Amino acid sequence: MRARFPVTVHLLFFREDQILLLRRFNTGYRDGEYSVPAGHLDGNETVMAAAAREAGEEIGVKIEAAEIAFSSVMHRNEGDERVDFFMHVHKWRGEPVNAEIDKCDELLWKDVNDLPMNTIPYVRQAIQNHLNRVKFDEFGW
């Protein structure tokens, strides 16, 4: 049987040494923990298109494919198997805001070397991967 599992895209927004984080709320998955803007591919859309869509849906900014660069990919297993794409957003239009108040209760810029203790572990690892230029990782196996 072939593998079938969710594919997600995560967006890494940086301002100098700070990264944009959001605290999950009312989602049923790791609520109260920090992540980066992210979401599932809807199907029949590219990773870049999903990244642009999620940026608008979650933090109200507009990005173009040319403003996004591949950071890394992670094959993850935390009770279910997933593939996560991490994309570095170089430029965006608009100021990030919490556009999904029913799923996020805080949006903040945080020093990349001083992440909150309650940052989701695989997200923390992906941020370190980005800083260390690690392009592929396996997590939770």
N, C-alpha and C. Protein backbone atom coordinates (compact mmCIF):
# COMPACT_ATOMS: atom_id res chain seq x y z
N MET A 1 0.84 -1.18 0.00
CA MET A 1 0.00 0.00 0.00
C MET A 1 0.89 1.25 0.00
N ARG A 2 0.56 2.21 -0.78
CA ARG A 2 1.32 3.45 -0.86
C ARG A 2 0.98 4.36 0.31
N ALA A 3 1.97 5.14 0.71
CA ALA A 3 1.78 6.09 1.81
C ALA A 3 0.84 7.21 1.38
N ARG A 4 -0.04 7.58 2.29
CA ARG A 4 -0.93 8.73 2.08
C ARG A 4 -1.00 9.48 3.40
N PHE A 5 -0.56 10.73 3.36
CA PHE A 5 -0.55 11.51 4.59
C PHE A 5 -0.58 12.98 4.25
N PRO A 6 -0.93 13.80 5.25
CA PRO A 6 -1.01 15.25 5.02
C PRO A 6 0.35 15.86 4.66
N VAL A 7 0.30 16.87 3.83
CA VAL A 7 1.46 17.68 3.50
C VAL A 7 1.15 19.10 3.95
N THR A 8 2.09 19.70 4.66
CA THR A 8 1.89 21.06 5.16
C THR A 8 3.00 21.98 4.67
N VAL A 9 2.69 23.27 4.71
CA VAL A 9 3.68 24.29 4.40
C VAL A 9 3.75 25.22 5.60
N HIS A 10 4.98 25.52 6.02
CA HIS A 10 5.25 26.40 7.16
C HIS A 10 6.02 27.60 6.65
N LEU A 11 5.69 28.78 7.16
CA LEU A 11 6.28 30.02 6.66
C LEU A 11 7.21 30.63 7.70
N LEU A 12 8.43 30.88 7.30
CA LEU A 12 9.43 31.48 8.17
C LEU A 12 9.60 32.95 7.78
N PHE A 13 9.06 33.83 8.60
CA PHE A 13 9.18 35.27 8.41
C PHE A 13 10.22 35.79 9.39
N PHE A 14 11.24 36.48 8.89
CA PHE A 14 12.29 37.03 9.75
C PHE A 14 12.35 38.54 9.62
N ARG A 15 12.64 39.19 10.73
CA ARG A 15 13.01 40.60 10.79
C ARG A 15 14.29 40.64 11.59
N GLU A 16 15.40 40.83 10.89
CA GLU A 16 16.73 40.77 11.50
C GLU A 16 16.86 39.44 12.24
N ASP A 17 17.05 39.46 13.56
CA ASP A 17 17.23 38.22 14.32
C ASP A 17 15.94 37.72 14.95
N GLN A 18 14.81 38.23 14.50
CA GLN A 18 13.53 37.80 15.06
C GLN A 18 12.74 37.00 14.04
N ILE A 19 11.95 36.07 14.56
CA ILE A 19 11.07 35.26 13.74
C ILE A 19 9.64 35.47 14.20
N LEU A 20 8.71 35.43 13.27
CA LEU A 20 7.30 35.59 13.58
C LEU A 20 6.72 34.27 14.08
N LEU A 21 6.14 34.31 15.28
CA LEU A 21 5.51 33.13 15.88
C LEU A 21 4.05 33.43 16.17
N LEU A 22 3.26 32.38 16.21
CA LEU A 22 1.87 32.49 16.64
C LEU A 22 1.59 31.41 17.66
N ARG A 23 0.70 31.71 18.59
CA ARG A 23 0.34 30.71 19.60
C ARG A 23 -0.99 30.09 19.21
N ARG A 24 -0.97 28.77 19.10
CA ARG A 24 -2.16 28.02 18.69
C ARG A 24 -3.24 28.09 19.77
N PHE A 25 -4.47 28.12 19.32
CA PHE A 25 -5.60 28.28 20.22
C PHE A 25 -6.82 27.60 19.61
N ASN A 26 -7.49 26.75 20.39
CA ASN A 26 -8.78 26.20 19.98
C ASN A 26 -8.71 25.36 18.71
N THR A 27 -7.57 24.71 18.45
CA THR A 27 -7.44 23.91 17.23
C THR A 27 -7.53 22.41 17.49
N GLY A 28 -7.26 22.01 18.76
CA GLY A 28 -7.22 20.59 19.07
C GLY A 28 -5.86 19.97 18.87
N TYR A 29 -4.89 20.75 18.39
CA TYR A 29 -3.52 20.26 18.22
C TYR A 29 -2.55 21.26 18.84
N ARG A 30 -1.89 20.86 19.92
CA ARG A 30 -0.85 21.65 20.58
C ARG A 30 -1.28 23.09 20.89
N ASP A 31 -2.53 23.22 21.31
CA ASP A 31 -3.01 24.53 21.72
C ASP A 31 -2.18 25.06 22.87
N GLY A 32 -1.90 26.36 22.84
CA GLY A 32 -1.07 26.99 23.87
C GLY A 32 0.41 26.95 23.55
N GLU A 33 0.79 26.34 22.44
CA GLU A 33 2.18 26.26 22.03
C GLU A 33 2.41 27.15 20.81
N TYR A 34 3.67 27.57 20.64
CA TYR A 34 4.03 28.46 19.54
C TYR A 34 4.45 27.69 18.30
N SER A 35 4.05 28.23 17.17
CA SER A 35 4.41 27.70 15.86
C SER A 35 4.71 28.88 14.95
N VAL A 36 4.86 28.60 13.69
CA VAL A 36 4.96 29.63 12.66
C VAL A 36 3.69 29.52 11.82
N PRO A 37 3.35 30.54 11.05
CA PRO A 37 2.18 30.41 10.17
C PRO A 37 2.33 29.17 9.29
N ALA A 38 1.27 28.38 9.20
CA ALA A 38 1.35 27.11 8.49
C ALA A 38 -0.04 26.61 8.13
N GLY A 39 -0.08 25.65 7.23
CA GLY A 39 -1.34 25.01 6.89
C GLY A 39 -1.15 23.89 5.90
N HIS A 40 -2.20 23.12 5.73
CA HIS A 40 -2.17 21.98 4.81
C HIS A 40 -2.32 22.44 3.37
N LEU A 41 -1.71 21.69 2.48
CA LEU A 41 -2.00 21.88 1.06
C LEU A 41 -3.42 21.40 0.83
N ASP A 42 -4.17 22.14 0.06
CA ASP A 42 -5.56 21.79 -0.20
C ASP A 42 -5.71 20.69 -1.23
N GLY A 43 -4.68 20.39 -1.96
CA GLY A 43 -4.77 19.45 -3.06
C GLY A 43 -4.94 20.25 -4.34
N ASN A 44 -4.29 19.79 -5.38
CA ASN A 44 -4.31 20.47 -6.66
C ASN A 44 -3.81 21.92 -6.54
N GLU A 45 -2.84 22.14 -5.62
CA GLU A 45 -2.17 23.44 -5.53
C GLU A 45 -0.70 23.19 -5.25
N THR A 46 0.14 24.08 -5.71
CA THR A 46 1.58 23.94 -5.47
C THR A 46 1.92 24.36 -4.05
N VAL A 47 3.10 23.99 -3.61
CA VAL A 47 3.58 24.40 -2.29
C VAL A 47 3.64 25.92 -2.22
N MET A 48 4.13 26.55 -3.29
CA MET A 48 4.22 28.01 -3.32
C MET A 48 2.83 28.66 -3.25
N ALA A 49 1.88 28.10 -3.96
CA ALA A 49 0.51 28.64 -3.92
C ALA A 49 -0.09 28.47 -2.54
N ALA A 50 0.16 27.33 -1.91
CA ALA A 50 -0.34 27.11 -0.56
C ALA A 50 0.31 28.09 0.42
N ALA A 51 1.59 28.36 0.24
CA ALA A 51 2.29 29.31 1.11
C ALA A 51 1.66 30.70 1.00
N ALA A 52 1.42 31.14 -0.22
CA ALA A 52 0.80 32.46 -0.42
C ALA A 52 -0.60 32.50 0.17
N ARG A 53 -1.36 31.45 -0.02
CA ARG A 53 -2.73 31.40 0.51
C ARG A 53 -2.71 31.44 2.04
N GLU A 54 -1.86 30.62 2.65
CA GLU A 54 -1.80 30.58 4.11
C GLU A 54 -1.33 31.91 4.70
N ALA A 55 -0.40 32.59 4.04
CA ALA A 55 0.05 33.90 4.53
C ALA A 55 -1.13 34.87 4.61
N GLY A 56 -1.96 34.86 3.60
CA GLY A 56 -3.13 35.73 3.61
C GLY A 56 -4.15 35.32 4.65
N GLU A 57 -4.43 34.02 4.73
CA GLU A 57 -5.44 33.53 5.66
C GLU A 57 -5.05 33.71 7.12
N GLU A 58 -3.80 33.43 7.45
CA GLU A 58 -3.39 33.42 8.86
C GLU A 58 -2.89 34.75 9.39
N ILE A 59 -2.15 35.49 8.55
CA ILE A 59 -1.57 36.74 9.08
C ILE A 59 -1.84 37.96 8.20
N GLY A 60 -2.71 37.79 7.19
CA GLY A 60 -3.19 38.94 6.42
C GLY A 60 -2.17 39.64 5.55
N VAL A 61 -1.09 38.96 5.17
CA VAL A 61 -0.11 39.59 4.28
C VAL A 61 -0.16 38.94 2.90
N LYS A 62 0.34 39.66 1.92
CA LYS A 62 0.41 39.14 0.56
C LYS A 62 1.86 38.83 0.23
N ILE A 63 2.07 37.65 -0.36
CA ILE A 63 3.40 37.28 -0.84
C ILE A 63 3.27 36.69 -2.24
N GLU A 64 4.33 36.83 -2.99
CA GLU A 64 4.41 36.27 -4.34
C GLU A 64 5.43 35.13 -4.34
N ALA A 65 5.30 34.21 -5.28
CA ALA A 65 6.20 33.06 -5.35
C ALA A 65 7.67 33.49 -5.42
N ALA A 66 7.97 34.57 -6.11
CA ALA A 66 9.35 35.03 -6.24
C ALA A 66 9.91 35.54 -4.91
N GLU A 67 9.04 35.77 -3.92
CA GLU A 67 9.47 36.30 -2.63
C GLU A 67 9.67 35.19 -1.59
N ILE A 68 9.51 33.93 -2.02
CA ILE A 68 9.59 32.77 -1.14
C ILE A 68 10.74 31.89 -1.60
N ALA A 69 11.50 31.37 -0.65
CA ALA A 69 12.58 30.43 -0.98
C ALA A 69 12.43 29.17 -0.13
N PHE A 70 12.77 28.06 -0.71
CA PHE A 70 12.77 26.79 0.01
C PHE A 70 13.78 26.85 1.14
N SER A 71 13.37 26.44 2.33
CA SER A 71 14.28 26.34 3.47
C SER A 71 14.63 24.88 3.72
N SER A 72 13.60 24.05 3.98
CA SER A 72 13.86 22.64 4.26
C SER A 72 12.57 21.83 4.12
N VAL A 73 12.75 20.54 4.18
CA VAL A 73 11.62 19.61 4.22
C VAL A 73 11.88 18.65 5.37
N MET A 74 10.79 18.28 6.04
CA MET A 74 10.89 17.38 7.18
C MET A 74 9.88 16.24 7.00
N HIS A 75 10.35 15.02 7.15
CA HIS A 75 9.48 13.85 7.17
C HIS A 75 9.26 13.54 8.64
N ARG A 76 8.02 13.68 9.09
CA ARG A 76 7.74 13.69 10.53
C ARG A 76 6.76 12.59 10.89
N ASN A 77 6.97 12.03 12.10
CA ASN A 77 6.05 11.03 12.62
C ASN A 77 5.83 11.32 14.10
N GLU A 78 4.67 11.85 14.41
CA GLU A 78 4.28 12.12 15.80
C GLU A 78 2.88 11.56 16.02
N GLY A 79 2.76 10.27 15.86
CA GLY A 79 1.45 9.63 15.96
C GLY A 79 0.80 9.45 14.61
N ASP A 80 1.10 10.35 13.70
CA ASP A 80 0.74 10.18 12.30
C ASP A 80 1.89 10.71 11.46
N GLU A 81 1.97 10.22 10.24
CA GLU A 81 3.08 10.55 9.36
C GLU A 81 2.73 11.77 8.51
N ARG A 82 3.71 12.67 8.35
CA ARG A 82 3.50 13.90 7.59
C ARG A 82 4.77 14.30 6.86
N VAL A 83 4.60 15.13 5.86
CA VAL A 83 5.71 15.80 5.19
C VAL A 83 5.46 17.29 5.32
N ASP A 84 6.46 17.99 5.84
CA ASP A 84 6.35 19.43 6.09
C ASP A 84 7.38 20.18 5.25
N PHE A 85 6.92 21.16 4.49
CA PHE A 85 7.79 22.06 3.76
C PHE A 85 7.94 23.34 4.57
N PHE A 86 9.16 23.82 4.71
CA PHE A 86 9.43 25.08 5.40
C PHE A 86 9.97 26.06 4.37
N MET A 87 9.30 27.20 4.29
CA MET A 87 9.62 28.20 3.27
C MET A 87 10.03 29.51 3.94
N HIS A 88 11.10 30.10 3.44
CA HIS A 88 11.59 31.38 3.95
C HIS A 88 10.96 32.50 3.12
N VAL A 89 10.20 33.34 3.77
CA VAL A 89 9.54 34.46 3.08
C VAL A 89 10.48 35.67 3.18
N HIS A 90 10.97 36.12 2.03
CA HIS A 90 11.92 37.23 2.00
C HIS A 90 11.24 38.60 2.01
N LYS A 91 10.05 38.68 1.44
CA LYS A 91 9.38 39.97 1.29
C LYS A 91 7.88 39.74 1.33
N TRP A 92 7.17 40.65 1.92
CA TRP A 92 5.72 40.57 1.99
C TRP A 92 5.14 41.97 2.00
N ARG A 93 3.87 42.05 1.64
CA ARG A 93 3.16 43.32 1.65
C ARG A 93 2.11 43.30 2.74
N GLY A 94 2.16 44.33 3.58
CA GLY A 94 1.24 44.41 4.70
C GLY A 94 1.96 44.08 5.99
N GLU A 95 1.35 44.46 7.08
CA GLU A 95 1.89 44.16 8.41
C GLU A 95 1.19 42.91 8.95
N PRO A 96 1.95 41.91 9.40
CA PRO A 96 1.31 40.70 9.93
C PRO A 96 0.37 41.02 11.10
N VAL A 97 -0.82 40.45 11.00
CA VAL A 97 -1.83 40.58 12.06
C VAL A 97 -2.42 39.19 12.30
N ASN A 98 -3.07 39.02 13.43
CA ASN A 98 -3.75 37.76 13.72
C ASN A 98 -5.07 37.75 12.95
N ALA A 99 -5.07 37.09 11.81
CA ALA A 99 -6.25 37.05 10.96
C ALA A 99 -7.15 35.85 11.26
N GLU A 100 -6.73 34.98 12.15
CA GLU A 100 -7.53 33.81 12.53
C GLU A 100 -7.66 33.77 14.06
N ILE A 101 -8.43 34.70 14.59
CA ILE A 101 -8.55 34.81 16.05
C ILE A 101 -9.22 33.60 16.68
N ASP A 102 -9.88 32.78 15.87
CA ASP A 102 -10.49 31.56 16.40
C ASP A 102 -9.48 30.41 16.49
N LYS A 103 -8.26 30.58 15.92
CA LYS A 103 -7.23 29.53 15.94
C LYS A 103 -5.90 29.99 16.53
N CYS A 104 -5.79 31.28 16.81
CA CYS A 104 -4.53 31.85 17.31
C CYS A 104 -4.87 32.93 18.32
N ASP A 105 -4.19 32.91 19.48
CA ASP A 105 -4.48 33.94 20.47
C ASP A 105 -3.31 34.89 20.72
N GLU A 106 -2.20 34.71 19.96
CA GLU A 106 -1.09 35.66 20.08
C GLU A 106 -0.19 35.55 18.86
N LEU A 107 0.25 36.69 18.39
CA LEU A 107 1.20 36.79 17.29
C LEU A 107 2.34 37.66 17.81
N LEU A 108 3.60 37.19 17.67
CA LEU A 108 4.71 37.98 18.18
C LEU A 108 5.98 37.72 17.40
N TRP A 109 6.86 38.72 17.41
CA TRP A 109 8.22 38.59 16.87
C TRP A 109 9.11 38.21 18.05
N LYS A 110 9.89 37.16 17.88
CA LYS A 110 10.71 36.65 18.97
C LYS A 110 12.14 36.41 18.47
N ASP A 111 13.11 36.72 19.32
CA ASP A 111 14.51 36.47 18.98
C ASP A 111 14.67 34.99 18.63
N VAL A 112 15.25 34.73 17.48
CA VAL A 112 15.38 33.36 16.98
C VAL A 112 16.26 32.50 17.89
N ASN A 113 17.11 33.14 18.70
CA ASN A 113 17.96 32.40 19.62
C ASN A 113 17.37 32.31 21.02
N ASP A 114 16.15 32.78 21.20
CA ASP A 114 15.49 32.75 22.50
C ASP A 114 14.00 32.43 22.31
N LEU A 115 13.73 31.30 21.69
CA LEU A 115 12.35 30.89 21.42
C LEU A 115 11.66 30.54 22.73
N PRO A 116 10.34 30.74 22.80
CA PRO A 116 9.61 30.35 24.00
C PRO A 116 9.79 28.85 24.29
N MET A 117 9.80 28.51 25.57
CA MET A 117 9.95 27.10 25.97
C MET A 117 8.85 26.24 25.35
N ASN A 118 7.67 26.81 25.16
CA ASN A 118 6.54 26.04 24.63
C ASN A 118 6.41 26.19 23.11
N THR A 119 7.55 26.30 22.42
CA THR A 119 7.54 26.22 20.96
C THR A 119 7.40 24.76 20.58
N ILE A 120 6.55 24.45 19.63
CA ILE A 120 6.35 23.07 19.19
C ILE A 120 7.71 22.48 18.79
N PRO A 121 8.07 21.30 19.33
CA PRO A 121 9.42 20.76 19.11
C PRO A 121 9.85 20.63 17.65
N TYR A 122 9.00 20.13 16.77
CA TYR A 122 9.44 19.98 15.39
C TYR A 122 9.61 21.34 14.72
N VAL A 123 8.84 22.35 15.13
CA VAL A 123 8.99 23.70 14.59
C VAL A 123 10.32 24.30 15.07
N ARG A 124 10.61 24.11 16.35
CA ARG A 124 11.90 24.55 16.90
C ARG A 124 13.04 23.93 16.10
N GLN A 125 12.95 22.62 15.82
CA GLN A 125 13.98 21.93 15.06
C GLN A 125 14.09 22.50 13.64
N ALA A 126 12.97 22.78 13.01
CA ALA A 126 12.99 23.33 11.65
C ALA A 126 13.62 24.72 11.61
N ILE A 127 13.39 25.52 12.64
CA ILE A 127 14.02 26.84 12.71
C ILE A 127 15.53 26.68 12.83
N GLN A 128 15.97 25.75 13.68
CA GLN A 128 17.40 25.49 13.80
C GLN A 128 17.96 24.95 12.48
N ASN A 129 17.20 24.10 11.81
CA ASN A 129 17.63 23.59 10.51
C ASN A 129 17.85 24.75 9.53
N HIS A 130 16.92 25.71 9.54
CA HIS A 130 17.05 26.87 8.65
C HIS A 130 18.34 27.63 8.97
N LEU A 131 18.56 27.91 10.25
CA LEU A 131 19.74 28.67 10.65
C LEU A 131 21.04 27.93 10.32
N ASN A 132 21.00 26.59 10.38
CA ASN A 132 22.18 25.77 10.10
C ASN A 132 22.24 25.26 8.67
N ARG A 133 21.29 25.70 7.84
CA ARG A 133 21.24 25.33 6.41
C ARG A 133 21.07 23.83 6.19
N VAL A 134 20.35 23.18 7.09
CA VAL A 134 20.01 21.77 6.93
C VAL A 134 18.75 21.70 6.08
N LYS A 135 18.83 21.04 4.95
CA LYS A 135 17.72 21.04 3.99
C LYS A 135 16.72 19.90 4.16
N PHE A 136 17.14 18.83 4.83
CA PHE A 136 16.25 17.67 5.03
C PHE A 136 16.44 17.15 6.44
N ASP A 137 15.31 16.76 7.05
CA ASP A 137 15.37 16.20 8.39
C ASP A 137 14.25 15.18 8.54
N GLU A 138 14.46 14.24 9.45
CA GLU A 138 13.43 13.30 9.88
C GLU A 138 13.21 13.54 11.36
N PHE A 139 11.96 13.59 11.78
CA PHE A 139 11.66 13.95 13.16
C PHE A 139 10.62 13.00 13.72
N GLY A 140 10.86 12.49 14.93
CA GLY A 140 9.87 11.71 15.64
C GLY A 140 9.86 10.23 15.32
N TRP A 141 10.84 9.75 14.63
CA TRP A 141 10.88 8.33 14.26
C TRP A 141 11.56 7.52 15.34
